[in-house]
Amino acid sequence: MAVDFTATYKMLVLGDSNVGKTCIVNRFCDEKFYDTYISTIGIDFKQKIINLDGMPVKLQIWDTAGQERFRTLTTAYYRGAMGIIVMYDVTNMDSFNHLSYWFRNIEENASPDLVKVLVGNKCDVTHLRQIERERGEKLADSFNIPFFECSCKQNINVQETFLALARLVRQERERRASKLDELERQQWEKGQLNTLEQNTTGNYRCSC
C-alpha cells in the first residue's frame, strides 16, 4: 500500500564550484561516493524518503551549479525552498571567503522563513586544511545557524547535516502553522465581537 506523504521539504545545496555539493547529495541519497568530478550544469535534484523522528518525510534536494556563468539560473529555484545547506571547502580559502556572496544571494532571493545550515566539507583532508573549525563556527554563530564539518568521502556528518536541516524545516513549519492558528483565532474573536456589537446596537434601536 502506498504511503501518503503529507510533508515534502524542498532543500537547496549552495556554494562555490567543487566544494562537494554533488558529493553530499549523492552520499546522502545514494549512499555512494564518486571519486570522479563532474561539474553540475545548471541544476539537478534527487529525492529521498527519511524517517524524521518517527514520521516519513520526503526530501527534495536540489544540487545547484557553483560556476559564475550558471548562478543566474539558480535564483528561480529559490521559490518554494524551505531549507538550504551553504557549503564551503575547508581546504579552499576562496570558497570560504565567497560565503558572503551566497548568504547575500539567499537574503535577496529566498523567503525570510527559510532555514539554513553551514557546512565545511572535506574535513578528512587534514594536511591541506586552510580554514580552522573555529572560523566556521564563528561565522555560523553570526547568522545564528547550525554548523557542521563533514566528509563526503568518509561519510562524516552527512546524515546529521540533512537531519538537522529537516528538523529546522519542521520547526519552522510548526511555528508558521501556530502563528496562522493564532491569527485565525483572533479573526474569529474579532468577528464574534463585531457580531455581538451589531446585535446589541440593533436591539437598542428596536427598543426605541
N, C-alpha and C. Protein backbone atom coordinates (compact mmCIF):
# COMPACT_ATOMS: atom_id res chain seq x y z
N MET A 1 0.85 -1.20 0.00
CA MET A 1 0.00 0.00 0.00
C MET A 1 0.88 1.24 0.00
N ALA A 2 0.58 2.18 -0.86
CA ALA A 2 1.39 3.40 -0.96
C ALA A 2 1.20 4.26 0.28
N VAL A 3 2.26 4.91 0.67
CA VAL A 3 2.22 5.80 1.83
C VAL A 3 1.87 7.20 1.37
N ASP A 4 0.93 7.84 2.06
CA ASP A 4 0.55 9.21 1.74
C ASP A 4 1.47 10.16 2.49
N PHE A 5 2.40 10.76 1.78
CA PHE A 5 3.35 11.65 2.42
C PHE A 5 2.73 13.04 2.53
N THR A 6 2.56 13.48 3.75
CA THR A 6 1.96 14.79 3.98
C THR A 6 3.00 15.90 3.95
N ALA A 7 4.28 15.56 3.96
CA ALA A 7 5.32 16.58 4.02
C ALA A 7 6.39 16.31 2.96
N THR A 8 6.64 17.30 2.14
CA THR A 8 7.76 17.28 1.21
C THR A 8 8.56 18.55 1.45
N TYR A 9 9.83 18.37 1.78
CA TYR A 9 10.69 19.51 2.08
C TYR A 9 11.63 19.75 0.90
N LYS A 10 11.54 20.93 0.32
CA LYS A 10 12.46 21.30 -0.76
C LYS A 10 13.69 21.95 -0.15
N MET A 11 14.86 21.40 -0.49
CA MET A 11 16.12 21.90 0.03
C MET A 11 17.08 22.21 -1.11
N LEU A 12 17.90 23.22 -0.90
CA LEU A 12 18.94 23.58 -1.86
C LEU A 12 20.31 23.37 -1.24
N VAL A 13 21.28 23.04 -2.08
CA VAL A 13 22.68 22.98 -1.65
C VAL A 13 23.44 24.02 -2.46
N LEU A 14 23.98 25.03 -1.77
CA LEU A 14 24.64 26.15 -2.43
C LEU A 14 26.11 26.23 -2.02
N GLY A 15 26.89 26.84 -2.87
CA GLY A 15 28.31 27.04 -2.60
C GLY A 15 29.09 27.10 -3.89
N ASP A 16 30.36 27.42 -3.77
CA ASP A 16 31.23 27.51 -4.95
C ASP A 16 31.35 26.17 -5.66
N SER A 17 31.84 26.23 -6.87
CA SER A 17 32.11 25.02 -7.63
C SER A 17 33.19 24.18 -6.94
N ASN A 18 33.00 22.87 -6.94
CA ASN A 18 34.00 21.91 -6.44
C ASN A 18 34.14 21.89 -4.92
N VAL A 19 33.12 22.38 -4.20
CA VAL A 19 33.19 22.26 -2.73
C VAL A 19 32.60 20.94 -2.25
N GLY A 20 31.87 20.25 -3.14
CA GLY A 20 31.33 18.94 -2.77
C GLY A 20 29.82 18.88 -2.71
N LYS A 21 29.14 19.81 -3.38
CA LYS A 21 27.67 19.84 -3.32
C LYS A 21 27.06 18.55 -3.89
N THR A 22 27.52 18.15 -5.07
CA THR A 22 27.00 16.93 -5.68
C THR A 22 27.38 15.71 -4.86
N CYS A 23 28.57 15.73 -4.30
CA CYS A 23 29.04 14.59 -3.49
C CYS A 23 28.17 14.39 -2.25
N ILE A 24 27.79 15.48 -1.59
CA ILE A 24 27.00 15.33 -0.36
C ILE A 24 25.58 14.85 -0.70
N VAL A 25 25.05 15.28 -1.85
CA VAL A 25 23.73 14.81 -2.28
C VAL A 25 23.79 13.32 -2.63
N ASN A 26 24.82 12.91 -3.36
CA ASN A 26 24.96 11.50 -3.74
C ASN A 26 25.20 10.63 -2.52
N ARG A 27 26.02 11.10 -1.60
CA ARG A 27 26.32 10.32 -0.40
C ARG A 27 25.06 10.13 0.43
N PHE A 28 24.27 11.19 0.56
CA PHE A 28 23.07 11.11 1.38
C PHE A 28 21.97 10.28 0.69
N CYS A 29 21.72 10.55 -0.58
CA CYS A 29 20.60 9.91 -1.27
C CYS A 29 20.93 8.50 -1.75
N ASP A 30 22.13 8.30 -2.28
CA ASP A 30 22.50 7.01 -2.86
C ASP A 30 23.46 6.20 -2.00
N GLU A 31 23.96 6.85 -0.92
CA GLU A 31 24.95 6.21 -0.04
C GLU A 31 26.18 5.77 -0.84
N LYS A 32 26.59 6.65 -1.76
CA LYS A 32 27.77 6.37 -2.60
C LYS A 32 28.66 7.60 -2.66
N PHE A 33 29.95 7.35 -2.87
CA PHE A 33 30.89 8.44 -3.09
C PHE A 33 31.62 8.17 -4.40
N TYR A 34 31.61 9.18 -5.28
CA TYR A 34 32.25 9.05 -6.59
C TYR A 34 33.53 9.88 -6.61
N ASP A 35 34.64 9.22 -6.93
CA ASP A 35 35.93 9.92 -6.98
C ASP A 35 36.03 10.87 -8.17
N THR A 36 35.36 10.53 -9.26
CA THR A 36 35.44 11.37 -10.45
C THR A 36 34.60 12.62 -10.26
N TYR A 37 35.14 13.75 -10.69
CA TYR A 37 34.44 15.02 -10.54
C TYR A 37 33.81 15.44 -11.85
N ILE A 38 32.49 15.61 -11.84
CA ILE A 38 31.76 16.13 -12.99
C ILE A 38 30.98 17.35 -12.54
N SER A 39 31.29 18.48 -13.12
CA SER A 39 30.66 19.73 -12.70
C SER A 39 29.17 19.73 -13.04
N THR A 40 28.35 20.17 -12.09
CA THR A 40 26.92 20.27 -12.32
C THR A 40 26.63 21.38 -13.33
N ILE A 41 25.78 21.06 -14.32
CA ILE A 41 25.39 22.03 -15.32
C ILE A 41 24.01 22.55 -14.96
N GLY A 42 23.95 23.79 -14.52
CA GLY A 42 22.66 24.36 -14.14
C GLY A 42 22.21 23.86 -12.79
N ILE A 43 21.32 22.86 -12.80
CA ILE A 43 20.77 22.36 -11.54
C ILE A 43 20.27 20.93 -11.72
N ASP A 44 20.32 20.15 -10.68
CA ASP A 44 19.85 18.78 -10.68
C ASP A 44 19.22 18.51 -9.32
N PHE A 45 18.40 17.48 -9.23
CA PHE A 45 17.86 17.18 -7.90
C PHE A 45 17.63 15.69 -7.73
N LYS A 46 17.65 15.28 -6.47
CA LYS A 46 17.34 13.92 -6.07
C LYS A 46 16.33 13.97 -4.95
N GLN A 47 15.66 12.84 -4.73
CA GLN A 47 14.68 12.74 -3.66
C GLN A 47 15.02 11.56 -2.75
N LYS A 48 14.73 11.72 -1.48
CA LYS A 48 14.92 10.63 -0.54
C LYS A 48 13.86 10.72 0.54
N ILE A 49 13.30 9.57 0.88
CA ILE A 49 12.32 9.49 1.95
C ILE A 49 13.06 9.12 3.23
N ILE A 50 12.86 9.92 4.27
CA ILE A 50 13.54 9.67 5.54
C ILE A 50 12.52 9.46 6.65
N ASN A 51 12.97 8.88 7.71
CA ASN A 51 12.17 8.74 8.93
C ASN A 51 12.64 9.84 9.88
N LEU A 52 11.82 10.88 10.00
CA LEU A 52 12.19 12.02 10.83
C LEU A 52 11.47 11.89 12.17
N ASP A 53 12.17 11.31 13.11
CA ASP A 53 11.62 11.12 14.46
C ASP A 53 10.28 10.40 14.43
N GLY A 54 10.22 9.34 13.60
CA GLY A 54 9.02 8.52 13.55
C GLY A 54 8.03 8.89 12.47
N MET A 55 8.28 9.97 11.74
CA MET A 55 7.36 10.41 10.70
C MET A 55 8.06 10.38 9.34
N PRO A 56 7.40 9.82 8.31
CA PRO A 56 8.01 9.81 6.97
C PRO A 56 7.97 11.19 6.34
N VAL A 57 9.10 11.61 5.80
CA VAL A 57 9.21 12.90 5.14
C VAL A 57 9.99 12.71 3.84
N LYS A 58 9.51 13.34 2.79
CA LYS A 58 10.21 13.28 1.51
C LYS A 58 11.08 14.53 1.36
N LEU A 59 12.37 14.33 1.20
CA LEU A 59 13.29 15.44 0.96
C LEU A 59 13.55 15.54 -0.54
N GLN A 60 13.32 16.71 -1.07
CA GLN A 60 13.62 17.00 -2.47
C GLN A 60 14.84 17.93 -2.46
N ILE A 61 15.99 17.39 -2.85
CA ILE A 61 17.26 18.09 -2.66
C ILE A 61 17.80 18.57 -4.01
N TRP A 62 17.92 19.87 -4.15
CA TRP A 62 18.36 20.49 -5.39
C TRP A 62 19.85 20.82 -5.29
N ASP A 63 20.58 20.31 -6.24
CA ASP A 63 22.04 20.49 -6.32
C ASP A 63 22.32 21.56 -7.37
N THR A 64 22.82 22.71 -6.93
CA THR A 64 22.99 23.84 -7.84
C THR A 64 24.43 23.98 -8.31
N ALA A 65 24.57 24.54 -9.50
CA ALA A 65 25.91 24.80 -10.05
C ALA A 65 26.55 25.98 -9.34
N GLY A 66 27.85 25.89 -9.12
CA GLY A 66 28.55 26.96 -8.42
C GLY A 66 29.28 27.91 -9.34
N GLN A 67 29.42 27.55 -10.63
CA GLN A 67 30.18 28.40 -11.53
C GLN A 67 29.44 29.71 -11.80
N GLU A 68 30.19 30.76 -11.96
CA GLU A 68 29.63 32.10 -12.13
C GLU A 68 28.62 32.15 -13.26
N ARG A 69 28.89 31.49 -14.39
CA ARG A 69 28.00 31.61 -15.54
C ARG A 69 26.66 30.92 -15.34
N PHE A 70 26.54 30.05 -14.32
CA PHE A 70 25.28 29.38 -14.07
C PHE A 70 24.51 29.96 -12.89
N ARG A 71 25.11 30.92 -12.18
CA ARG A 71 24.47 31.39 -10.95
C ARG A 71 23.13 32.06 -11.18
N THR A 72 22.97 32.71 -12.35
CA THR A 72 21.68 33.35 -12.63
C THR A 72 20.58 32.31 -12.79
N LEU A 73 20.94 31.07 -13.15
CA LEU A 73 19.94 30.02 -13.30
C LEU A 73 19.38 29.58 -11.96
N THR A 74 20.18 29.71 -10.91
CA THR A 74 19.78 29.16 -9.62
C THR A 74 18.74 30.01 -8.90
N THR A 75 18.65 31.30 -9.22
CA THR A 75 17.78 32.18 -8.44
C THR A 75 16.32 31.76 -8.52
N ALA A 76 15.88 31.26 -9.68
CA ALA A 76 14.48 30.85 -9.83
C ALA A 76 14.14 29.66 -8.95
N TYR A 77 15.14 28.89 -8.58
CA TYR A 77 14.89 27.68 -7.82
C TYR A 77 14.77 27.94 -6.31
N TYR A 78 14.94 29.19 -5.91
CA TYR A 78 14.68 29.52 -4.51
C TYR A 78 13.19 29.42 -4.20
N ARG A 79 12.37 29.57 -5.21
CA ARG A 79 10.92 29.57 -4.99
C ARG A 79 10.47 28.24 -4.39
N GLY A 80 9.85 28.31 -3.25
CA GLY A 80 9.36 27.10 -2.60
C GLY A 80 10.38 26.39 -1.74
N ALA A 81 11.62 26.87 -1.74
CA ALA A 81 12.65 26.22 -0.92
C ALA A 81 12.38 26.48 0.56
N MET A 82 12.60 25.45 1.36
CA MET A 82 12.37 25.54 2.80
C MET A 82 13.67 25.53 3.60
N GLY A 83 14.71 24.93 3.04
CA GLY A 83 15.98 24.84 3.76
C GLY A 83 17.14 24.86 2.79
N ILE A 84 18.28 25.37 3.27
CA ILE A 84 19.47 25.47 2.42
C ILE A 84 20.70 25.01 3.19
N ILE A 85 21.49 24.19 2.52
CA ILE A 85 22.84 23.88 3.00
C ILE A 85 23.81 24.79 2.26
N VAL A 86 24.49 25.64 3.01
CA VAL A 86 25.51 26.52 2.43
C VAL A 86 26.86 25.86 2.70
N MET A 87 27.59 25.53 1.63
CA MET A 87 28.78 24.69 1.77
C MET A 87 30.04 25.39 1.29
N TYR A 88 31.13 25.13 2.02
CA TYR A 88 32.46 25.55 1.56
C TYR A 88 33.42 24.38 1.74
N ASP A 89 34.60 24.53 1.20
CA ASP A 89 35.65 23.50 1.25
C ASP A 89 36.71 23.96 2.25
N VAL A 90 36.94 23.18 3.30
CA VAL A 90 37.90 23.59 4.34
C VAL A 90 39.33 23.67 3.81
N THR A 91 39.58 23.15 2.60
CA THR A 91 40.92 23.23 2.01
C THR A 91 41.02 24.35 0.97
N ASN A 92 39.95 25.15 0.84
CA ASN A 92 39.93 26.20 -0.18
C ASN A 92 39.46 27.51 0.44
N MET A 93 40.38 28.42 0.68
CA MET A 93 40.06 29.68 1.34
C MET A 93 39.09 30.53 0.51
N ASP A 94 39.22 30.48 -0.81
CA ASP A 94 38.31 31.26 -1.66
C ASP A 94 36.86 30.85 -1.44
N SER A 95 36.62 29.56 -1.30
CA SER A 95 35.24 29.08 -1.13
C SER A 95 34.66 29.58 0.20
N PHE A 96 35.51 29.77 1.19
CA PHE A 96 35.06 30.32 2.48
C PHE A 96 34.82 31.82 2.35
N ASN A 97 35.71 32.52 1.69
CA ASN A 97 35.56 33.96 1.52
C ASN A 97 34.33 34.31 0.69
N HIS A 98 33.94 33.42 -0.21
CA HIS A 98 32.79 33.67 -1.08
C HIS A 98 31.46 33.40 -0.39
N LEU A 99 31.48 32.92 0.85
CA LEU A 99 30.23 32.65 1.56
C LEU A 99 29.39 33.92 1.72
N SER A 100 30.06 35.06 1.82
CA SER A 100 29.31 36.32 1.95
C SER A 100 28.42 36.53 0.73
N TYR A 101 28.90 36.13 -0.45
CA TYR A 101 28.10 36.23 -1.67
C TYR A 101 26.86 35.33 -1.57
N TRP A 102 27.07 34.09 -1.11
CA TRP A 102 25.96 33.14 -1.07
C TRP A 102 24.91 33.55 -0.04
N PHE A 103 25.35 34.03 1.12
CA PHE A 103 24.36 34.47 2.12
C PHE A 103 23.60 35.70 1.63
N ARG A 104 24.30 36.59 0.92
CA ARG A 104 23.63 37.77 0.37
C ARG A 104 22.63 37.35 -0.71
N ASN A 105 23.02 36.38 -1.53
CA ASN A 105 22.15 35.88 -2.58
C ASN A 105 20.88 35.25 -2.00
N ILE A 106 21.05 34.52 -0.90
CA ILE A 106 19.90 33.92 -0.21
C ILE A 106 18.98 35.01 0.31
N GLU A 107 19.55 36.01 0.94
CA GLU A 107 18.76 37.10 1.51
C GLU A 107 17.95 37.83 0.45
N GLU A 108 18.54 37.97 -0.75
CA GLU A 108 17.89 38.71 -1.82
C GLU A 108 16.82 37.89 -2.55
N ASN A 109 16.95 36.56 -2.54
CA ASN A 109 16.09 35.74 -3.39
C ASN A 109 15.17 34.78 -2.65
N ALA A 110 15.51 34.43 -1.42
CA ALA A 110 14.77 33.39 -0.72
C ALA A 110 13.75 33.98 0.26
N SER A 111 12.83 33.14 0.68
CA SER A 111 11.85 33.53 1.68
C SER A 111 12.55 33.82 3.00
N PRO A 112 12.09 34.82 3.74
CA PRO A 112 12.71 35.13 5.05
C PRO A 112 12.52 34.01 6.06
N ASP A 113 11.56 33.11 5.81
CA ASP A 113 11.31 32.00 6.73
C ASP A 113 12.20 30.79 6.46
N LEU A 114 12.99 30.86 5.40
CA LEU A 114 13.84 29.74 5.03
C LEU A 114 14.93 29.52 6.09
N VAL A 115 15.23 28.24 6.39
CA VAL A 115 16.24 27.91 7.39
C VAL A 115 17.53 27.46 6.70
N LYS A 116 18.65 27.62 7.41
CA LYS A 116 19.95 27.35 6.80
C LYS A 116 20.87 26.56 7.74
N VAL A 117 21.80 25.85 7.13
CA VAL A 117 22.86 25.15 7.85
C VAL A 117 24.17 25.43 7.10
N LEU A 118 25.23 25.74 7.84
CA LEU A 118 26.54 25.96 7.24
C LEU A 118 27.38 24.69 7.36
N VAL A 119 28.01 24.28 6.25
CA VAL A 119 28.78 23.04 6.23
C VAL A 119 30.16 23.28 5.64
N GLY A 120 31.20 22.84 6.37
CA GLY A 120 32.56 22.83 5.84
C GLY A 120 32.91 21.42 5.43
N ASN A 121 33.07 21.19 4.14
CA ASN A 121 33.31 19.84 3.61
C ASN A 121 34.82 19.53 3.53
N LYS A 122 35.11 18.25 3.38
CA LYS A 122 36.47 17.70 3.21
C LYS A 122 37.29 17.81 4.50
N CYS A 123 36.62 17.63 5.65
CA CYS A 123 37.34 17.72 6.92
C CYS A 123 38.33 16.57 7.12
N ASP A 124 38.25 15.54 6.26
CA ASP A 124 39.19 14.42 6.36
C ASP A 124 40.55 14.77 5.77
N VAL A 125 40.62 15.82 4.94
CA VAL A 125 41.88 16.18 4.28
C VAL A 125 42.64 17.14 5.20
N THR A 126 43.11 16.61 6.30
CA THR A 126 43.69 17.45 7.35
C THR A 126 44.97 18.15 6.91
N HIS A 127 45.77 17.52 6.06
CA HIS A 127 47.05 18.09 5.67
C HIS A 127 46.91 19.28 4.72
N LEU A 128 45.73 19.46 4.14
CA LEU A 128 45.50 20.58 3.22
C LEU A 128 44.55 21.62 3.79
N ARG A 129 44.15 21.46 5.03
CA ARG A 129 43.18 22.37 5.63
C ARG A 129 43.68 23.81 5.65
N GLN A 130 42.79 24.74 5.24
CA GLN A 130 43.11 26.17 5.28
C GLN A 130 42.19 26.95 6.24
N ILE A 131 41.01 26.39 6.52
CA ILE A 131 40.06 27.08 7.40
C ILE A 131 39.84 26.23 8.63
N GLU A 132 40.22 26.75 9.78
CA GLU A 132 40.02 26.02 11.02
C GLU A 132 38.54 25.96 11.39
N ARG A 133 38.20 24.94 12.12
CA ARG A 133 36.81 24.73 12.52
C ARG A 133 36.23 25.95 13.24
N GLU A 134 37.04 26.60 14.06
CA GLU A 134 36.56 27.73 14.84
C GLU A 134 36.05 28.87 13.96
N ARG A 135 36.66 29.06 12.79
CA ARG A 135 36.21 30.13 11.90
C ARG A 135 34.83 29.82 11.34
N GLY A 136 34.61 28.55 11.00
CA GLY A 136 33.30 28.15 10.52
C GLY A 136 32.24 28.31 11.60
N GLU A 137 32.58 27.89 12.81
CA GLU A 137 31.65 28.01 13.94
C GLU A 137 31.30 29.47 14.21
N LYS A 138 32.32 30.33 14.15
CA LYS A 138 32.10 31.76 14.41
C LYS A 138 31.18 32.37 13.36
N LEU A 139 31.38 32.00 12.10
CA LEU A 139 30.53 32.53 11.03
C LEU A 139 29.10 32.03 11.20
N ALA A 140 28.93 30.75 11.51
CA ALA A 140 27.60 30.19 11.71
C ALA A 140 26.90 30.89 12.89
N ASP A 141 27.65 31.14 13.95
CA ASP A 141 27.08 31.83 15.12
C ASP A 141 26.59 33.23 14.75
N SER A 142 27.31 33.88 13.85
CA SER A 142 26.92 35.25 13.46
C SER A 142 25.59 35.26 12.71
N PHE A 143 25.26 34.13 12.07
CA PHE A 143 23.96 34.00 11.39
C PHE A 143 22.95 33.22 12.22
N ASN A 144 23.40 32.78 13.39
CA ASN A 144 22.54 32.00 14.30
C ASN A 144 22.01 30.74 13.62
N ILE A 145 22.91 30.00 12.98
CA ILE A 145 22.53 28.77 12.30
C ILE A 145 23.47 27.64 12.72
N PRO A 146 23.04 26.38 12.58
CA PRO A 146 23.91 25.25 12.93
C PRO A 146 25.12 25.15 12.02
N PHE A 147 26.16 24.52 12.53
CA PHE A 147 27.40 24.34 11.76
C PHE A 147 27.86 22.89 11.86
N PHE A 148 28.29 22.34 10.73
CA PHE A 148 28.86 21.00 10.68
C PHE A 148 30.11 21.02 9.83
N GLU A 149 31.10 20.25 10.22
CA GLU A 149 32.17 19.87 9.30
C GLU A 149 31.88 18.44 8.88
N CYS A 150 32.01 18.19 7.59
CA CYS A 150 31.67 16.85 7.10
C CYS A 150 32.72 16.37 6.11
N SER A 151 32.63 15.08 5.83
CA SER A 151 33.44 14.46 4.79
C SER A 151 32.54 13.53 3.99
N CYS A 152 32.31 13.89 2.74
CA CYS A 152 31.51 13.02 1.89
C CYS A 152 32.24 11.70 1.62
N LYS A 153 33.55 11.79 1.50
CA LYS A 153 34.34 10.59 1.21
C LYS A 153 34.31 9.61 2.37
N GLN A 154 34.47 10.11 3.59
CA GLN A 154 34.49 9.25 4.78
C GLN A 154 33.10 9.11 5.42
N ASN A 155 32.11 9.75 4.83
CA ASN A 155 30.73 9.72 5.34
C ASN A 155 30.65 10.21 6.78
N ILE A 156 31.24 11.38 7.02
CA ILE A 156 31.23 12.01 8.34
C ILE A 156 30.23 13.16 8.34
N ASN A 157 29.26 13.09 9.23
CA ASN A 157 28.26 14.15 9.46
C ASN A 157 27.37 14.45 8.26
N VAL A 158 27.28 13.55 7.30
CA VAL A 158 26.40 13.78 6.15
C VAL A 158 24.94 13.60 6.56
N GLN A 159 24.62 12.45 7.15
CA GLN A 159 23.26 12.21 7.63
C GLN A 159 22.85 13.26 8.65
N GLU A 160 23.77 13.56 9.56
CA GLU A 160 23.48 14.51 10.62
C GLU A 160 23.12 15.89 10.07
N THR A 161 23.80 16.29 9.00
CA THR A 161 23.53 17.59 8.38
C THR A 161 22.11 17.66 7.84
N PHE A 162 21.72 16.66 7.07
CA PHE A 162 20.38 16.68 6.47
C PHE A 162 19.28 16.52 7.51
N LEU A 163 19.52 15.69 8.51
CA LEU A 163 18.51 15.52 9.56
C LEU A 163 18.34 16.81 10.37
N ALA A 164 19.45 17.48 10.65
CA ALA A 164 19.37 18.75 11.38
C ALA A 164 18.59 19.78 10.57
N LEU A 165 18.84 19.85 9.28
CA LEU A 165 18.13 20.81 8.43
C LEU A 165 16.65 20.44 8.35
N ALA A 166 16.34 19.16 8.22
CA ALA A 166 14.94 18.72 8.15
C ALA A 166 14.20 19.08 9.43
N ARG A 167 14.85 18.91 10.57
CA ARG A 167 14.21 19.27 11.85
C ARG A 167 13.96 20.77 11.93
N LEU A 168 14.89 21.57 11.43
CA LEU A 168 14.69 23.02 11.42
C LEU A 168 13.51 23.40 10.52
N VAL A 169 13.40 22.73 9.37
CA VAL A 169 12.27 22.98 8.48
C VAL A 169 10.97 22.63 9.18
N ARG A 170 10.94 21.49 9.84
CA ARG A 170 9.72 21.08 10.55
C ARG A 170 9.35 22.09 11.65
N GLN A 171 10.35 22.54 12.40
CA GLN A 171 10.10 23.52 13.45
C GLN A 171 9.53 24.82 12.87
N GLU A 172 10.07 25.25 11.73
CA GLU A 172 9.59 26.48 11.11
C GLU A 172 8.17 26.31 10.60
N ARG A 173 7.87 25.13 10.03
CA ARG A 173 6.51 24.86 9.57
C ARG A 173 5.54 24.87 10.74
N GLU A 174 5.93 24.27 11.85
CA GLU A 174 5.07 24.24 13.03
C GLU A 174 4.87 25.65 13.59
N ARG A 175 5.94 26.46 13.57
CA ARG A 175 5.84 27.83 14.06
C ARG A 175 4.87 28.63 13.20
N ARG A 176 4.98 28.47 11.89
CA ARG A 176 4.10 29.20 10.98
C ARG A 176 2.66 28.74 11.13
N ALA A 177 2.46 27.42 11.30
CA ALA A 177 1.11 26.89 11.49
C ALA A 177 0.50 27.42 12.78
N SER A 178 1.32 27.48 13.84
CA SER A 178 0.83 28.00 15.12
C SER A 178 0.47 29.48 15.00
N LYS A 179 1.30 30.23 14.26
CA LYS A 179 1.03 31.65 14.05
C LYS A 179 -0.25 31.84 13.26
N LEU A 180 -0.45 30.98 12.23
CA LEU A 180 -1.66 31.06 11.42
C LEU A 180 -2.89 30.74 12.27
N ASP A 181 -2.78 29.72 13.11
CA ASP A 181 -3.90 29.37 14.00
C ASP A 181 -4.24 30.53 14.93
N GLU A 182 -3.22 31.20 15.43
CA GLU A 182 -3.44 32.33 16.33
C GLU A 182 -4.13 33.47 15.59
N LEU A 183 -3.71 33.74 14.35
CA LEU A 183 -4.34 34.80 13.56
C LEU A 183 -5.80 34.46 13.27
N GLU A 184 -6.04 33.18 12.94
CA GLU A 184 -7.41 32.77 12.66
C GLU A 184 -8.27 32.89 13.92
N ARG A 185 -7.70 32.54 15.09
CA ARG A 185 -8.43 32.67 16.35
C ARG A 185 -8.76 34.13 16.63
N GLN A 186 -7.78 35.03 16.40
CA GLN A 186 -8.01 36.45 16.63
C GLN A 186 -9.08 37.00 15.69
N GLN A 187 -9.03 36.54 14.42
CA GLN A 187 -10.02 36.99 13.45
C GLN A 187 -11.42 36.49 13.82
N TRP A 188 -11.48 35.25 14.31
CA TRP A 188 -12.77 34.69 14.73
C TRP A 188 -13.32 35.47 15.92
N GLU A 189 -12.44 35.75 16.90
CA GLU A 189 -12.89 36.51 18.07
C GLU A 189 -13.33 37.91 17.68
N LYS A 190 -12.60 38.51 16.73
CA LYS A 190 -12.98 39.84 16.26
C LYS A 190 -14.33 39.80 15.57
N GLY A 191 -14.55 38.74 14.78
CA GLY A 191 -15.82 38.58 14.09
C GLY A 191 -16.96 38.39 15.07
N GLN A 192 -16.70 37.59 16.12
CA GLN A 192 -17.72 37.38 17.14
C GLN A 192 -18.05 38.68 17.87
N LEU A 193 -17.01 39.46 18.15
CA LEU A 193 -17.21 40.74 18.83
C LEU A 193 -18.00 41.70 17.97
N ASN A 194 -17.67 41.73 16.66
CA ASN A 194 -18.41 42.60 15.75
C ASN A 194 -19.88 42.20 15.67
N THR A 195 -20.10 40.88 15.63
CA THR A 195 -21.48 40.38 15.57
C THR A 195 -22.25 40.76 16.83
N LEU A 196 -21.56 40.61 17.98
CA LEU A 196 -22.19 40.96 19.25
C LEU A 196 -22.54 42.45 19.30
N GLU A 197 -21.61 43.30 18.83
CA GLU A 197 -21.85 44.74 18.83
C GLU A 197 -23.00 45.10 17.91
N GLN A 198 -23.09 44.45 16.76
CA GLN A 198 -24.16 44.73 15.81
C GLN A 198 -25.51 44.32 16.39
N ASN A 199 -25.51 43.13 17.03
CA ASN A 199 -26.76 42.67 17.64
C ASN A 199 -27.20 43.59 18.77
N THR A 200 -26.23 44.03 19.57
CA THR A 200 -26.54 44.92 20.69
C THR A 200 -27.09 46.24 20.19
N THR A 201 -26.46 46.78 19.12
CA THR A 201 -26.91 48.04 18.54
C THR A 201 -28.31 47.88 17.95
N GLY A 202 -28.50 46.77 17.27
CA GLY A 202 -29.79 46.51 16.65
C GLY A 202 -30.89 46.40 17.70
N ASN A 203 -30.65 45.68 18.79
CA ASN A 203 -31.65 45.52 19.84
C ASN A 203 -31.98 46.86 20.48
N TYR A 204 -30.91 47.69 20.63
CA TYR A 204 -31.12 49.01 21.25
C TYR A 204 -32.05 49.86 20.39
N ARG A 205 -31.79 49.78 19.04
CA ARG A 205 -32.59 50.58 18.14
C ARG A 205 -34.04 50.08 18.14
N CYS A 206 -34.21 48.79 18.24
CA CYS A 206 -35.56 48.24 18.24
C CYS A 206 -36.34 48.69 19.48
N SER A 207 -35.62 48.77 20.61
CA SER A 207 -36.28 49.14 21.85
C SER A 207 -36.74 50.60 21.85
N CYS A 208 -36.15 51.40 20.93
CA CYS A 208 -36.57 52.80 20.86
C CYS A 208 -37.85 52.92 20.07
